[in-house]
């Protein structure tokens, strides 16, 4: 797992994908037709749950990136002993207006793999890492 604090590992997002995530006003499940392209191409992806950041002054340490939103992903992999796999991703905006996505961040207060679906675990996952 890459270090999310190092912006070297962040990926530039296309404007449409970034707007689909950052335009949400409240925490909610992102409709499939608004998923980022990489998620649509992942046949095991089950759900993306977005959490907007109301505190726009949060920055990635050592950079000018402001955290705009967080999303949690749920992926189902029958090959894993615990079939559900969860990660957080941060979406940040640069001073020049470009959007970037962090590498996957494993939840700290929940195992990365679980035998329960996200619907059951949303409360256990806790707050996003910002």
Foldseek 3Di string as FASTA:
>chain_A
DDDQLDCVQKAWADPQLLCQQLVDPAKAKRDPVNHGPVQVVQPQWDTKIKGADPPQVDDRPPAQWTFGIKIKTWGADPPDPQGIFIWMKTWTAHPVGIIIITDTHAQPQDHRGHNDGCVVCVVSSDDDDD
